[in-house]
Amino acid sequence: MTSALKNFIDGGWRDADARESLQVLNPASAQPLAEVPLSPPAEVDRAVQAASKAFAEWRRRPAGDRIQPLFKLKALLEENLDSLARTITAECGKTYAESTGELRRAIENVETACGIPMLMQGPINEDIAPGIDEFMMRQPLGVVAAITPFNFPGMIPFWFLPYAVATGNCFLLKPSERVPITASKLFELLEAAGFPPGVAQLVNGGRETVNAILDHPDIRAVSFVGSTATAKYIYSRAAASGKRAQCQGGAKNPVVVMPDADMEMTARILADSAFGCAGQRCLAASVAIGVGDAHAELSGRMAEVARGRKVGFGLDRGVETGPVISAESKARIEGWIARGEQEGAKLLVDGRGRSVAGYEGGFFVFPTVLDHVPPQGEVARTEIFGPVLSLMPAATVEEAIRLVNERRYGNMACLFTSSGAAARQFRSEVHAGNIGINVGVAAPMAWFPFSGWGDSFFGDLHAQAHHGVEFYTQTKVVVERWPRDWSRRF
């Protein structure tokens, strides 16, 4: 019998008034871990009412006081790193090393948000006109919300939460119903860190809960990470309700490999990018374009490393690739592998129909390599979100850049080379928000915004760093005059 998860509202844990719930499964074993409630709109409203009440006092606290619980939270995250990482691996499927790496990125964002007293500073001009000063200040929006995905349950909430509360807002999180246990543990730490009731709240649920967030008149801004179709839906519905929105969608991340690249290093890094986290990340390399002679060598090396990669439960020793999140995802990914063959690609390594000893019921897709994938085919243009790498040739770097720029996504693009001139041309001409040079996962550190172009992002201000501060604040410009003889006018 699995336990039912609770919502965290107004500083306390409470049973959700939900008619339905879902089982949370360990994707490596398909064994149930917990029951997650699908909270109705009334639960969202209850959380928003508590947040609205808390906002009046929280926004008035000095920025230096607001960040004190974040300092405590950073220490608590460090102390509980092992337990949190094991929880992520159990419900998400990634390896323990990947889970700890994810949490390190979460901690970076908490640390960055602790600089809010400086990050929120506005400009000032003295004597903008004779005797007149003008300055700009930043003030919080009010109640804000984030809807986060299954693939990084410990990191992605912290793209948003630290910046939101540090700038004086009150925050509501709706985690993925597939991986809600990590969020519950994180909120136990938030509670211990000493945030006042109503400042940070957790509401579990599904589509009905999401729509309640998007439609609630007192929620001023919404952040989202997920598929492009859902990102478009959330962005349009949030905008129709007059809310700010930052919505990160899907990706089809290309990697270009030049003939002068260090092939051994490239293959190793590319394998980690394509097959790490079972390919379930928005910055996974999914298409590798070999320029000139690089294609043949790259194909052989990628097939070799794919065959040798150890697949299994992420807490077992030596495992490099875990399961995908669900049986539905496994079936969908395997369908795309079959589609690749139908479109004329050569299947170098087939990850379908294999199991892991001791975890025969798990949702495993082994690393897969498709060669000579047609650039105009569906497989080359669709986000598969699994451990599948597509290879294709290009005669020149200019042709490779054209292939990169013909796709509708623009999350990440990487180049492997030893030529500074090629690197400069690539980073200048490629249409993507995150660029990697001899890097397989160009994930920005917490003090840079997580950029994205095209159908990979809907909005103006991205997550993290100064973009996060700007997103969660509104500017107020003050023009003031204080004549020296003012008192004699009355």
Protein backbone atom coordinates (compact mmCIF):
# COMPACT_ATOMS: atom_id res chain seq x y z
CA MET A 1 0.00 0.00 0.00
CA THR A 2 1.56 3.28 -1.11
CA SER A 3 1.13 6.53 0.80
CA ALA A 4 -0.81 9.48 -0.58
CA LEU A 5 1.17 12.69 -1.07
CA LYS A 6 -0.07 15.94 0.41
CA ASN A 7 -0.13 19.55 -0.68
CA PHE A 8 1.79 22.23 1.20
CA ILE A 9 -0.47 25.26 1.70
CA ASP A 10 -0.26 28.19 4.11
CA GLY A 11 2.73 26.78 5.94
CA GLY A 12 1.34 23.29 6.56
CA TRP A 13 0.79 19.88 4.95
CA ARG A 14 -2.80 19.02 4.11
CA ASP A 15 -4.65 16.24 2.32
CA ALA A 16 -5.83 17.34 -1.11
CA ASP A 17 -9.56 17.50 -1.63
CA ALA A 18 -9.18 15.42 -4.80
CA ARG A 19 -11.52 12.86 -6.34
CA GLU A 20 -8.76 11.19 -8.36
CA SER A 21 -5.15 10.21 -7.91
CA LEU A 22 -2.35 8.57 -9.91
CA GLN A 23 0.26 6.01 -9.01
CA VAL A 24 3.88 7.13 -9.09
CA LEU A 25 6.04 4.30 -10.48
CA ASN A 26 9.74 3.50 -10.29
CA PRO A 27 10.54 3.40 -14.05
CA ALA A 28 13.29 0.81 -13.54
CA SER A 29 11.01 -1.73 -11.86
CA ALA A 30 7.47 -0.45 -12.55
CA GLN A 31 6.82 -0.77 -8.82
CA PRO A 32 4.52 1.85 -7.21
CA LEU A 33 6.15 4.43 -4.95
CA ALA A 34 3.28 6.73 -3.94
CA GLU A 35 -0.15 8.10 -4.84
CA VAL A 36 -0.32 11.67 -6.14
CA PRO A 37 -3.61 13.59 -5.86
CA LEU A 38 -5.05 15.42 -8.86
CA SER A 39 -6.02 18.59 -7.04
CA PRO A 40 -9.15 20.45 -8.19
CA PRO A 41 -9.29 24.23 -8.81
CA ALA A 42 -10.45 24.82 -5.24
CA GLU A 43 -7.06 23.66 -3.96
CA VAL A 44 -5.30 26.12 -6.25
CA ASP A 45 -7.54 28.91 -5.03
CA ARG A 46 -6.85 27.99 -1.41
CA ALA A 47 -3.12 28.23 -2.05
CA VAL A 48 -3.45 31.52 -3.94
CA GLN A 49 -5.53 33.06 -1.17
CA ALA A 50 -2.87 32.11 1.38
CA ALA A 51 -0.14 33.49 -0.89
CA SER A 52 -1.99 36.75 -1.47
CA LYS A 53 -2.35 37.22 2.25
CA ALA A 54 1.34 36.49 2.85
CA PHE A 55 2.47 38.79 0.03
CA ALA A 56 1.43 41.99 1.80
CA GLU A 57 3.98 41.42 4.53
CA TRP A 58 6.63 39.47 2.57
CA ARG A 59 7.14 42.17 -0.06
CA ARG A 60 7.81 44.74 2.69
CA ARG A 61 10.63 42.75 4.22
CA PRO A 62 14.06 44.10 3.28
CA ALA A 63 15.75 42.08 0.55
CA GLY A 64 18.52 41.20 2.97
CA ASP A 65 15.97 39.61 5.28
CA ARG A 66 14.15 37.75 2.49
CA ILE A 67 17.29 35.88 1.47
CA GLN A 68 18.05 34.56 4.97
CA PRO A 69 15.83 31.47 4.52
CA LEU A 70 17.59 30.86 1.20
CA PHE A 71 20.93 30.67 3.00
CA LYS A 72 19.39 28.08 5.35
CA LEU A 73 17.86 26.24 2.40
CA LYS A 74 21.24 26.02 0.68
CA ALA A 75 22.72 24.33 3.75
CA LEU A 76 19.75 21.95 4.02
CA LEU A 77 20.06 20.97 0.37
CA GLU A 78 23.73 20.18 0.91
CA GLU A 79 22.97 18.12 4.03
CA ASN A 80 20.22 16.14 2.29
CA LEU A 81 21.89 15.76 -1.09
CA ASP A 82 22.23 11.98 -0.92
CA SER A 83 18.62 11.35 0.13
CA LEU A 84 17.26 13.73 -2.50
CA ALA A 85 19.42 12.20 -5.24
CA ARG A 86 18.20 8.71 -4.37
CA THR A 87 14.62 9.93 -4.53
CA ILE A 88 15.18 11.47 -7.96
CA THR A 89 16.74 8.24 -9.24
CA ALA A 90 13.91 6.15 -7.81
CA GLU A 91 11.06 8.12 -9.37
CA CYS A 92 12.74 9.65 -12.45
CA GLY A 93 15.12 6.86 -13.49
CA LYS A 94 18.38 8.73 -14.03
CA THR A 95 21.62 7.57 -12.50
CA TYR A 96 22.72 8.62 -9.04
CA ALA A 97 25.56 10.69 -10.52
CA GLU A 98 23.09 12.49 -12.81
CA SER A 99 20.77 13.13 -9.87
CA THR A 100 23.51 14.64 -7.74
CA GLY A 101 24.64 16.78 -10.68
CA GLU A 102 21.09 18.04 -11.08
CA LEU A 103 20.92 19.02 -7.43
CA ARG A 104 24.23 20.87 -7.68
CA ARG A 105 22.67 23.05 -10.38
CA ALA A 106 19.67 23.64 -8.11
CA ILE A 107 21.97 24.79 -5.31
CA GLU A 108 23.76 27.15 -7.71
CA ASN A 109 20.47 28.94 -8.33
CA VAL A 110 19.80 29.30 -4.61
CA GLU A 111 23.28 30.77 -4.18
CA THR A 112 22.75 33.19 -7.08
CA ALA A 113 19.40 34.36 -5.74
CA CYS A 114 21.07 35.20 -2.44
CA GLY A 115 22.58 38.15 -4.33
CA ILE A 116 19.15 39.76 -4.80
CA PRO A 117 20.02 42.88 -2.75
CA MET A 118 22.45 43.75 -5.54
CA LEU A 119 20.61 42.13 -8.47
CA MET A 120 17.47 44.19 -7.79
CA GLN A 121 19.25 47.51 -7.82
CA GLY A 122 17.96 50.08 -10.30
CA PRO A 123 19.69 52.97 -12.08
CA ILE A 124 19.56 56.58 -10.93
CA ASN A 125 20.34 59.85 -12.64
CA GLU A 126 20.90 62.89 -10.47
CA ASP A 127 19.97 66.23 -12.06
CA ILE A 128 18.36 64.64 -15.13
CA ALA A 129 17.12 68.20 -15.51
CA PRO A 130 17.98 71.17 -13.27
CA GLY A 131 16.92 70.20 -9.74
CA ILE A 132 15.24 66.95 -10.87
CA ASP A 133 16.38 63.39 -10.11
CA GLU A 134 15.08 60.29 -11.85
CA PHE A 135 15.49 56.68 -10.81
CA MET A 136 14.03 53.24 -11.42
CA MET A 137 13.13 50.69 -8.78
CA ARG A 138 12.01 47.07 -9.03
CA GLN A 139 8.99 45.79 -7.13
CA PRO A 140 7.57 42.25 -6.91
CA LEU A 141 4.55 41.15 -8.95
CA GLY A 142 2.59 39.29 -6.26
CA VAL A 143 1.64 35.63 -6.53
CA VAL A 144 3.54 33.66 -9.20
CA ALA A 145 3.51 30.00 -10.22
CA ALA A 146 5.66 27.39 -11.95
CA ILE A 147 4.63 24.18 -13.72
CA THR A 148 7.63 21.87 -13.94
CA PRO A 149 8.41 18.63 -15.87
CA PHE A 150 9.39 15.10 -14.88
CA ASN A 151 12.96 15.01 -16.20
CA PHE A 152 14.67 17.32 -13.66
CA PRO A 153 12.43 17.32 -10.58
CA GLY A 154 15.15 18.63 -8.27
CA MET A 155 16.66 21.33 -10.49
CA ILE A 156 14.00 23.00 -12.61
CA PRO A 157 11.83 24.24 -9.70
CA PHE A 158 14.94 26.13 -8.59
CA TRP A 159 15.23 27.92 -11.90
CA PHE A 160 12.24 29.86 -10.59
CA LEU A 161 11.56 29.59 -6.85
CA PRO A 162 14.70 31.28 -5.42
CA TYR A 163 14.38 34.34 -7.67
CA ALA A 164 10.64 34.63 -7.14
CA VAL A 165 10.73 34.65 -3.35
CA ALA A 166 13.96 36.64 -3.04
CA THR A 167 12.45 39.46 -5.11
CA GLY A 168 9.43 39.54 -2.77
CA ASN A 169 6.86 37.37 -4.53
CA CYS A 170 4.91 34.43 -3.14
CA PHE A 171 5.39 31.21 -5.11
CA LEU A 172 3.23 28.23 -6.06
CA LEU A 173 4.72 25.04 -7.54
CA LYS A 174 2.79 22.42 -9.53
CA PRO A 175 5.30 19.59 -10.13
CA SER A 176 4.89 16.86 -12.70
CA GLU A 177 2.45 14.24 -11.48
CA ARG A 178 4.97 11.63 -12.66
CA VAL A 179 7.67 12.69 -10.16
CA PRO A 180 5.99 14.47 -7.21
CA ILE A 181 7.96 12.83 -4.39
CA THR A 182 11.08 14.94 -4.97
CA ALA A 183 9.01 18.13 -4.77
CA SER A 184 7.48 17.00 -1.47
CA LYS A 185 10.93 16.42 0.00
CA LEU A 186 12.13 19.79 -1.27
CA PHE A 187 9.20 21.50 0.43
CA GLU A 188 10.02 19.76 3.68
CA LEU A 189 13.37 21.54 3.46
CA LEU A 190 11.68 24.83 2.54
CA GLU A 191 9.51 24.46 5.63
CA ALA A 192 12.60 23.82 7.77
CA ALA A 193 14.38 26.82 6.22
CA GLY A 194 11.87 29.16 7.86
CA PHE A 195 9.88 30.74 5.05
CA PRO A 196 6.71 32.37 6.46
CA PRO A 197 3.38 30.60 5.78
CA GLY A 198 2.07 31.31 2.30
CA VAL A 199 5.39 32.37 0.74
CA ALA A 200 6.11 28.99 -0.92
CA GLN A 201 3.36 26.46 -1.63
CA LEU A 202 2.99 23.09 -3.33
CA VAL A 203 -0.13 21.90 -5.14
CA ASN A 204 -0.09 18.50 -6.83
CA GLY A 205 -2.29 17.75 -9.80
CA GLY A 206 -2.77 17.31 -13.51
CA ARG A 207 -4.35 19.23 -16.38
CA GLU A 208 -7.27 20.58 -14.35
CA THR A 209 -4.83 21.96 -11.78
CA VAL A 210 -2.76 23.58 -14.53
CA ASN A 211 -5.81 25.26 -16.06
CA ALA A 212 -6.81 26.58 -12.64
CA ILE A 213 -3.36 28.18 -12.31
CA LEU A 214 -3.56 29.70 -15.78
CA ASP A 215 -7.04 31.13 -15.22
CA HIS A 216 -6.72 32.37 -11.64
CA PRO A 217 -6.94 36.17 -11.64
CA ASP A 218 -4.56 36.61 -8.70
CA ILE A 219 -1.64 34.72 -10.24
CA ARG A 220 0.48 37.31 -12.03
CA ALA A 221 3.11 35.17 -13.78
CA VAL A 222 3.60 31.57 -14.88
CA SER A 223 6.81 29.67 -15.65
CA PHE A 224 6.78 26.38 -17.53
CA VAL A 225 9.14 23.74 -18.91
CA GLY A 226 7.90 20.87 -21.09
CA SER A 227 6.94 19.96 -24.64
CA THR A 228 6.50 22.60 -27.33
CA ALA A 229 2.81 21.81 -27.79
CA THR A 230 2.13 22.31 -24.09
CA ALA A 231 4.39 25.38 -23.92
CA LYS A 232 2.36 27.02 -26.69
CA TYR A 233 -0.87 26.16 -24.91
CA ILE A 234 0.28 27.53 -21.57
CA TYR A 235 1.79 30.66 -23.10
CA SER A 236 -1.37 31.52 -25.04
CA ARG A 237 -3.77 30.76 -22.19
CA ALA A 238 -1.65 32.64 -19.65
CA ALA A 239 -1.38 35.65 -21.99
CA ALA A 240 -5.13 35.61 -22.53
CA SER A 241 -5.51 35.96 -18.76
CA GLY A 242 -3.10 38.92 -18.70
CA LYS A 243 -0.22 37.04 -17.09
CA ARG A 244 3.47 37.14 -17.77
CA ALA A 245 4.72 33.82 -19.09
CA GLN A 246 8.07 32.17 -19.77
CA CYS A 247 7.52 28.80 -21.42
CA GLN A 248 10.35 26.53 -22.46
CA GLY A 249 9.38 23.93 -25.05
CA GLY A 250 11.01 21.02 -26.84
CA ALA A 251 14.26 20.71 -28.73
CA LYS A 252 16.10 18.84 -31.45
CA ASN A 253 19.67 19.67 -30.60
CA PRO A 254 22.28 19.31 -33.37
CA VAL A 255 25.99 18.71 -32.90
CA VAL A 256 28.41 19.44 -35.74
CA VAL A 257 31.70 17.54 -35.78
CA MET A 258 34.58 18.92 -37.89
CA PRO A 259 37.36 16.73 -39.35
CA ASP A 260 39.90 18.41 -37.07
CA ALA A 261 37.98 17.51 -33.88
CA ASP A 262 39.51 15.23 -31.24
CA MET A 263 37.38 12.21 -32.15
CA GLU A 264 38.00 10.20 -29.00
CA MET A 265 36.97 13.10 -26.78
CA THR A 266 34.08 14.00 -29.07
CA ALA A 267 32.62 10.48 -29.04
CA ARG A 268 32.82 10.27 -25.25
CA ILE A 269 31.22 13.67 -24.68
CA LEU A 270 28.60 13.12 -27.38
CA ALA A 271 27.60 9.76 -25.85
CA ASP A 272 27.04 11.37 -22.46
CA SER A 273 24.96 14.10 -24.09
CA ALA A 274 22.83 11.80 -26.26
CA PHE A 275 22.40 8.84 -23.91
CA GLY A 276 22.79 10.43 -20.46
CA CYS A 277 19.53 10.88 -18.55
CA ALA A 278 18.20 8.33 -21.09
CA GLY A 279 18.06 11.20 -23.59
CA GLN A 280 15.29 12.81 -21.54
CA ARG A 281 16.60 16.35 -21.30
CA CYS A 282 16.01 19.45 -23.34
CA LEU A 283 19.75 19.80 -23.96
CA ALA A 284 20.39 16.24 -25.12
CA ALA A 285 22.29 15.96 -28.38
CA SER A 286 19.93 14.25 -30.82
CA VAL A 287 21.49 14.86 -34.27
CA ALA A 288 25.21 14.64 -35.03
CA ILE A 289 26.39 16.08 -38.36
CA GLY A 290 29.82 14.88 -39.47
CA VAL A 291 31.55 17.29 -41.84
CA GLY A 292 33.58 15.71 -44.65
CA ASP A 293 35.73 12.81 -43.49
CA ALA A 294 34.47 13.20 -39.92
CA HIS A 295 31.19 11.43 -40.64
CA ALA A 296 32.59 7.96 -41.28
CA GLU A 297 34.83 7.95 -38.22
CA LEU A 298 32.11 9.46 -36.05
CA SER A 299 29.64 6.76 -37.11
CA GLY A 300 31.99 3.97 -36.12
CA ARG A 301 32.93 5.52 -32.79
CA MET A 302 29.34 6.32 -31.79
CA ALA A 303 28.20 2.79 -32.60
CA GLU A 304 31.01 1.42 -30.45
CA VAL A 305 30.30 3.60 -27.41
CA ALA A 306 26.54 3.01 -27.69
CA ARG A 307 27.01 -0.77 -27.61
CA GLY A 308 29.34 -0.55 -24.62
CA ARG A 309 27.21 1.72 -22.45
CA LYS A 310 25.88 0.04 -19.29
CA VAL A 311 22.11 0.31 -18.88
CA GLY A 312 20.22 -0.38 -15.65
CA PHE A 313 18.80 0.97 -12.40
CA GLY A 314 20.50 4.25 -11.58
CA LEU A 315 21.53 3.25 -8.06
CA ASP A 316 23.44 0.17 -9.23
CA ARG A 317 27.20 0.42 -9.61
CA GLY A 318 28.55 1.41 -13.02
CA VAL A 319 25.19 2.19 -14.65
CA GLU A 320 25.48 4.97 -17.25
CA THR A 321 21.94 5.05 -18.70
CA GLY A 322 18.71 4.47 -16.81
CA PRO A 323 15.15 3.77 -17.97
CA VAL A 324 12.80 6.18 -19.68
CA ILE A 325 9.98 7.53 -17.58
CA SER A 326 7.05 5.29 -18.56
CA ALA A 327 5.80 2.40 -20.66
CA GLU A 328 4.14 4.94 -22.97
CA SER A 329 7.44 6.75 -23.49
CA LYS A 330 9.22 3.46 -24.21
CA ALA A 331 6.63 2.54 -26.85
CA ARG A 332 6.75 6.00 -28.42
CA ILE A 333 10.57 6.03 -28.65
CA GLU A 334 10.68 2.55 -30.14
CA GLY A 335 8.08 3.68 -32.68
CA TRP A 336 10.37 6.52 -33.77
CA ILE A 337 13.28 4.10 -34.19
CA ALA A 338 11.11 2.03 -36.52
CA ARG A 339 10.07 5.21 -38.33
CA GLY A 340 13.74 6.04 -38.89
CA GLU A 341 14.29 2.73 -40.65
CA GLN A 342 11.18 3.29 -42.76
CA GLU A 343 12.52 6.69 -43.83
CA GLY A 344 15.73 5.11 -45.08
CA ALA A 345 18.13 5.49 -42.14
CA LYS A 346 20.61 2.70 -41.39
CA LEU A 347 20.22 1.21 -37.91
CA LEU A 348 23.77 0.90 -36.55
CA VAL A 349 22.74 0.06 -32.98
CA ASP A 350 19.21 -1.03 -32.05
CA GLY A 351 18.13 -0.38 -28.46
CA ARG A 352 14.69 -1.95 -28.76
CA GLY A 353 13.41 -5.15 -27.19
CA ARG A 354 16.08 -5.50 -24.52
CA SER A 355 15.73 -5.87 -20.79
CA VAL A 356 17.90 -5.52 -17.69
CA ALA A 357 18.43 -8.55 -15.47
CA GLY A 358 16.49 -8.11 -12.25
CA TYR A 359 14.44 -5.26 -13.72
CA GLU A 360 12.56 -7.06 -16.48
CA GLY A 361 9.48 -4.92 -15.93
CA GLY A 362 11.37 -1.65 -16.32
CA PHE A 363 10.94 0.88 -19.10
CA PHE A 364 14.33 0.49 -20.73
CA VAL A 365 15.37 1.65 -24.20
CA PHE A 366 19.05 0.96 -24.83
CA PRO A 367 21.26 3.52 -26.65
CA THR A 368 20.35 3.59 -30.33
CA VAL A 369 22.27 5.00 -33.32
CA LEU A 370 20.67 5.75 -36.71
CA ASP A 371 23.01 6.65 -39.58
CA HIS A 372 22.30 8.63 -42.77
CA VAL A 373 19.04 9.97 -41.37
CA PRO A 374 17.29 11.98 -44.13
CA PRO A 375 17.46 15.67 -43.13
CA GLN A 376 13.89 16.31 -44.34
CA GLY A 377 12.42 13.24 -42.64
CA GLU A 378 10.28 13.29 -39.52
CA VAL A 379 12.89 11.56 -37.36
CA ALA A 380 15.42 14.31 -38.11
CA ARG A 381 12.94 17.02 -37.14
CA THR A 382 10.98 15.54 -34.22
CA GLU A 383 12.00 15.55 -30.58
CA ILE A 384 12.19 11.84 -29.67
CA PHE A 385 13.16 12.47 -26.02
CA GLY A 386 14.96 9.19 -25.61
CA PRO A 387 18.47 7.67 -26.02
CA VAL A 388 18.44 7.86 -29.80
CA LEU A 389 21.19 9.60 -31.81
CA SER A 390 20.70 10.41 -35.50
CA LEU A 391 23.76 10.81 -37.73
CA MET A 392 23.98 12.62 -41.04
CA PRO A 393 26.82 13.86 -43.30
CA ALA A 394 27.63 17.36 -44.59
CA ALA A 395 30.27 18.34 -47.13
CA THR A 396 31.21 21.69 -45.52
CA VAL A 397 30.68 23.64 -42.33
CA GLU A 398 28.39 25.97 -44.30
CA GLU A 399 26.17 23.03 -45.26
CA ALA A 400 26.16 21.83 -41.66
CA ILE A 401 25.09 25.26 -40.42
CA ARG A 402 22.32 25.30 -43.01
CA LEU A 403 21.07 21.92 -41.76
CA VAL A 404 21.17 23.24 -38.19
CA ASN A 405 19.21 26.37 -39.07
CA GLU A 406 16.51 24.60 -41.07
CA ARG A 407 14.87 23.13 -37.96
CA ARG A 408 12.11 24.87 -36.03
CA TYR A 409 13.76 24.44 -32.62
CA GLY A 410 16.55 26.60 -31.27
CA ASN A 411 17.47 25.40 -27.81
CA MET A 412 21.08 24.27 -28.27
CA ALA A 413 23.67 23.66 -30.97
CA CYS A 414 27.24 22.44 -30.45
CA LEU A 415 30.42 22.30 -32.51
CA PHE A 416 33.46 20.07 -32.02
CA THR A 417 36.59 21.45 -33.64
CA SER A 418 40.16 22.63 -33.05
CA SER A 419 39.65 25.65 -35.33
CA GLY A 420 38.94 29.00 -33.74
CA ALA A 421 37.72 30.36 -37.07
CA ALA A 422 35.16 27.57 -37.44
CA ALA A 423 34.02 28.10 -33.85
CA ARG A 424 33.58 31.83 -34.40
CA GLN A 425 31.60 31.27 -37.61
CA PHE A 426 29.40 28.68 -35.91
CA ARG A 427 28.54 30.70 -32.82
CA SER A 428 27.81 33.76 -34.95
CA GLU A 429 25.61 32.15 -37.63
CA VAL A 430 23.75 29.34 -35.84
CA HIS A 431 20.16 29.98 -34.75
CA ALA A 432 20.13 28.72 -31.17
CA GLY A 433 20.06 30.29 -27.73
CA ASN A 434 22.63 28.02 -26.09
CA ILE A 435 25.87 27.31 -27.98
CA GLY A 436 28.52 24.75 -27.05
CA ILE A 437 32.05 24.64 -28.44
CA ASN A 438 33.65 21.28 -27.64
CA VAL A 439 30.89 20.89 -25.05
CA GLY A 440 28.10 18.33 -25.34
CA VAL A 441 25.54 19.89 -22.98
CA ALA A 442 25.67 23.70 -23.15
CA ALA A 443 23.71 24.23 -19.93
CA PRO A 444 24.18 27.80 -18.66
CA MET A 445 25.40 28.25 -15.12
CA ALA A 446 22.99 29.87 -12.68
CA TRP A 447 24.41 33.36 -13.26
CA PHE A 448 23.49 33.25 -16.97
CA PRO A 449 19.92 33.00 -18.37
CA PHE A 450 18.83 29.68 -19.87
CA SER A 451 18.29 30.86 -23.43
CA GLY A 452 16.19 29.28 -26.13
CA TRP A 453 15.00 30.36 -29.59
CA GLY A 454 12.29 29.39 -32.05
CA ASP A 455 9.83 26.76 -30.92
CA SER A 456 12.04 25.99 -27.94
CA PHE A 457 10.89 29.08 -26.03
CA PHE A 458 7.83 31.30 -25.80
CA GLY A 459 8.25 34.57 -23.97
CA ASP A 460 10.80 37.35 -23.61
CA LEU A 461 12.69 36.72 -20.37
CA HIS A 462 14.29 33.35 -19.71
CA ALA A 463 14.90 31.49 -16.46
CA GLN A 464 17.83 32.13 -14.11
CA ALA A 465 20.10 35.06 -13.30
CA HIS A 466 19.15 38.63 -14.23
CA HIS A 467 16.40 37.42 -16.59
CA GLY A 468 14.76 35.75 -13.60
CA VAL A 469 15.00 38.93 -11.57
CA GLU A 470 13.46 40.96 -14.38
CA PHE A 471 10.69 38.43 -14.97
CA TYR A 472 9.58 38.44 -11.33
CA THR A 473 9.68 42.21 -10.89
CA GLN A 474 7.99 45.21 -12.44
CA THR A 475 9.79 48.50 -12.89
CA LYS A 476 8.69 51.81 -11.47
CA VAL A 477 10.31 55.05 -12.63
CA VAL A 478 10.26 57.97 -10.22
CA VAL A 479 10.89 61.58 -11.28
CA GLU A 480 11.17 63.94 -8.31
CA ARG A 481 11.98 67.55 -7.56
CA TRP A 482 12.72 69.05 -4.14
CA PRO A 483 13.22 72.84 -4.50
CA ARG A 484 15.30 74.36 -1.77
CA ASP A 485 12.71 77.04 -1.08
CA TRP A 486 9.80 74.52 -1.02
CA SER A 487 8.84 75.35 2.59
CA ARG A 488 8.26 79.02 1.72
CA ARG A 489 5.61 78.09 -0.84
CA PHE A 490 3.05 77.28 1.87
